[in-house]
Amino acid sequence: MLLTTTRRPSPARRREAFTLIEVLVVVAILVILATIAAVAVPKQMMEAKKGTAITGCATISKAVDLYSTSVSNPGTSDDERLPQNLEALANPGWSSSFLPDGERSLIDPWGNRYQAMNAVKDDGITPYILVYTTAPDGTKISQFGAGAKSRVNQ
């Protein structure tokens, strides 16, 4: 009597490819992750631009302080020592630019020019310039922060 043995493939060698169900599950997971990223990334980009705008407002505000306290400034009173407009910070005429990137520092992350308005500090006497811009969603942004912190239109 002759015994024959049939050879069974080992479990490690039996499986050589993914099944259709496994591939579909992986594709579904990737689609879900892509959807989450597509929703979250634009929102984070907007928040990052708002942070950049706050920094830009603060930079311009510091340039106004430097302009008004410069020993080369020809003004004699507090009002005369403040710049007449933001462009004067880039080209004061009696000094080099007070802005790190010159005229480019006056453009917000959305491509608009920063705005400025005269204001008075909490002491009711000392004038300063409030630098602000508006995000596309309508949020007011200044050197003090965004939204209610901005002090714009108070």
Protein backbone atom coordinates (compact mmCIF):
# COMPACT_ATOMS: atom_id res chain seq x y z
CA MET A 1 0.00 0.00 0.00
CA LEU A 2 1.38 3.26 -1.09
CA LEU A 3 0.84 6.34 1.04
CA THR A 4 0.74 9.66 -0.69
CA THR A 5 0.81 12.89 1.09
CA THR A 6 -0.77 16.03 -0.17
CA ARG A 7 1.07 19.12 0.57
CA ARG A 8 -0.90 22.00 2.03
CA PRO A 9 0.49 25.51 1.62
CA SER A 10 1.55 27.10 4.85
CA PRO A 11 -0.72 29.91 6.12
CA ALA A 12 1.99 32.49 5.48
CA ARG A 13 2.28 31.52 1.81
CA ARG A 14 -1.39 30.97 1.08
CA ARG A 15 -2.35 34.63 1.00
CA GLU A 16 -0.69 36.64 -1.75
CA ALA A 17 -3.09 39.60 -2.34
CA PHE A 18 -5.64 41.80 -0.60
CA THR A 19 -9.28 41.03 -1.04
CA LEU A 20 -11.63 43.51 -2.67
CA ILE A 21 -13.29 44.24 0.69
CA GLU A 22 -9.96 45.12 2.30
CA VAL A 23 -9.08 47.50 -0.53
CA LEU A 24 -12.50 49.18 -0.33
CA VAL A 25 -12.18 49.67 3.44
CA VAL A 26 -8.77 51.33 3.01
CA VAL A 27 -10.12 53.60 0.24
CA ALA A 28 -13.12 54.56 2.42
CA ILE A 29 -10.82 55.46 5.33
CA LEU A 30 -8.65 57.60 3.03
CA VAL A 31 -11.73 59.40 1.67
CA ILE A 32 -12.91 60.16 5.22
CA LEU A 33 -9.46 61.52 6.19
CA ALA A 34 -9.30 63.66 3.02
CA THR A 35 -12.74 65.11 3.77
CA ILE A 36 -11.74 66.01 7.32
CA ALA A 37 -8.56 67.68 6.04
CA ALA A 38 -10.45 69.57 3.31
CA VAL A 39 -12.76 71.07 5.94
CA ALA A 40 -10.11 71.83 8.59
CA VAL A 41 -7.27 73.27 6.48
CA PRO A 42 -9.05 76.39 5.12
CA LYS A 43 -10.27 77.26 8.61
CA GLN A 44 -6.74 76.97 10.00
CA MET A 45 -5.39 79.03 7.10
CA MET A 46 -7.85 81.83 7.95
CA GLU A 47 -6.81 81.76 11.62
CA ALA A 48 -3.14 81.84 10.62
CA LYS A 49 -3.76 84.87 8.39
CA LYS A 50 -5.57 86.61 11.26
CA GLY A 51 -2.53 85.99 13.47
CA THR A 52 -0.28 87.40 10.76
CA ALA A 53 -2.53 90.47 10.51
CA ILE A 54 -2.32 91.05 14.29
CA THR A 55 1.47 90.86 14.02
CA GLY A 56 1.42 93.26 11.06
CA CYS A 57 -0.71 95.76 13.00
CA ALA A 58 1.63 95.50 15.98
CA THR A 59 4.68 96.02 13.73
CA ILE A 60 3.15 99.14 12.22
CA SER A 61 2.14 100.38 15.69
CA LYS A 62 5.74 99.97 16.90
CA ALA A 63 6.94 101.83 13.80
CA VAL A 64 4.57 104.69 14.72
CA ASP A 65 6.09 104.77 18.22
CA LEU A 66 9.61 104.84 16.75
CA TYR A 67 8.59 107.56 14.29
CA SER A 68 7.07 109.78 16.99
CA THR A 69 10.01 109.39 19.40
CA SER A 70 12.79 109.72 16.84
CA VAL A 71 15.23 112.53 17.61
CA SER A 72 15.19 113.39 13.89
CA ASN A 73 11.41 113.98 13.94
CA PRO A 74 10.82 117.69 13.25
CA GLY A 75 7.43 117.85 15.05
CA THR A 76 7.17 119.94 18.21
CA SER A 77 3.91 118.65 19.78
CA ASP A 78 2.57 115.12 20.28
CA ASP A 79 0.13 115.56 17.39
CA GLU A 80 2.82 116.92 15.05
CA ARG A 81 5.16 114.05 15.89
CA LEU A 82 2.64 111.41 14.76
CA PRO A 83 2.80 110.44 11.07
CA GLN A 84 0.15 112.02 8.83
CA ASN A 85 -0.47 108.63 7.16
CA LEU A 86 0.99 105.13 7.23
CA GLU A 87 3.00 105.71 4.04
CA ALA A 88 5.07 108.27 5.99
CA LEU A 89 6.48 105.36 8.01
CA ALA A 90 8.04 103.88 4.87
CA ASN A 91 9.26 107.22 3.48
CA PRO A 92 9.47 109.81 6.27
CA GLY A 93 11.71 112.16 4.29
CA TRP A 94 14.04 112.84 7.22
CA SER A 95 15.05 109.24 8.02
CA SER A 96 15.10 105.76 6.55
CA SER A 97 12.01 103.54 6.66
CA PHE A 98 10.64 102.62 10.07
CA LEU A 99 9.06 99.46 8.61
CA PRO A 100 11.09 96.24 8.17
CA ASP A 101 9.87 95.64 4.59
CA GLY A 102 9.08 99.22 3.62
CA GLU A 103 5.83 99.67 1.69
CA ARG A 104 5.20 95.89 1.67
CA SER A 105 4.69 96.03 5.45
CA LEU A 106 1.55 98.11 4.83
CA ILE A 107 -0.26 95.26 3.02
CA ASP A 108 -2.33 92.78 5.07
CA PRO A 109 -2.40 88.99 4.38
CA TRP A 110 -5.47 89.42 2.13
CA GLY A 111 -3.75 91.98 -0.11
CA ASN A 112 -5.45 95.09 1.33
CA ARG A 113 -3.74 98.09 2.89
CA TYR A 114 -3.79 98.41 6.66
CA GLN A 115 -5.94 101.29 7.89
CA ALA A 116 -5.23 103.76 10.67
CA MET A 117 -7.28 106.13 12.79
CA ASN A 118 -6.46 108.58 15.55
CA ALA A 119 -7.42 107.48 19.04
CA VAL A 120 -6.78 108.53 22.62
CA LYS A 121 -5.33 106.25 25.29
CA ASP A 122 -7.32 105.38 28.41
CA ASP A 123 -5.87 108.40 30.23
CA GLY A 124 -8.00 110.58 27.91
CA ILE A 125 -5.01 112.74 26.94
CA THR A 126 -2.32 110.79 25.08
CA PRO A 127 -3.00 110.34 21.35
CA TYR A 128 -2.04 107.22 19.46
CA ILE A 129 -2.76 105.64 16.10
CA LEU A 130 -4.95 102.55 16.01
CA VAL A 131 -3.80 100.32 13.15
CA TYR A 132 -6.46 97.91 11.88
CA THR A 133 -7.71 95.78 9.02
CA THR A 134 -10.76 93.64 8.34
CA ALA A 135 -10.65 89.93 7.55
CA PRO A 136 -12.85 88.60 4.70
CA ASP A 137 -15.25 87.17 7.29
CA GLY A 138 -15.77 90.69 8.74
CA THR A 139 -13.57 90.27 11.83
CA LYS A 140 -11.88 93.52 12.84
CA ILE A 141 -8.18 93.09 13.63
CA SER A 142 -5.80 95.59 15.28
CA GLN A 143 -2.56 95.64 17.24
CA PHE A 144 -4.63 94.69 20.31
CA GLY A 145 -6.12 91.51 18.85
CA ALA A 146 -9.06 90.31 16.78
CA GLY A 147 -12.79 90.73 17.21
CA ALA A 148 -13.89 92.42 20.44
CA LYS A 149 -10.25 92.83 21.58
CA SER A 150 -9.42 94.95 18.53
CA ARG A 151 -10.82 98.23 19.97
CA VAL A 152 -12.00 99.17 16.49
CA ASN A 153 -15.31 101.12 16.52
CA GLN A 154 -15.52 101.40 20.31
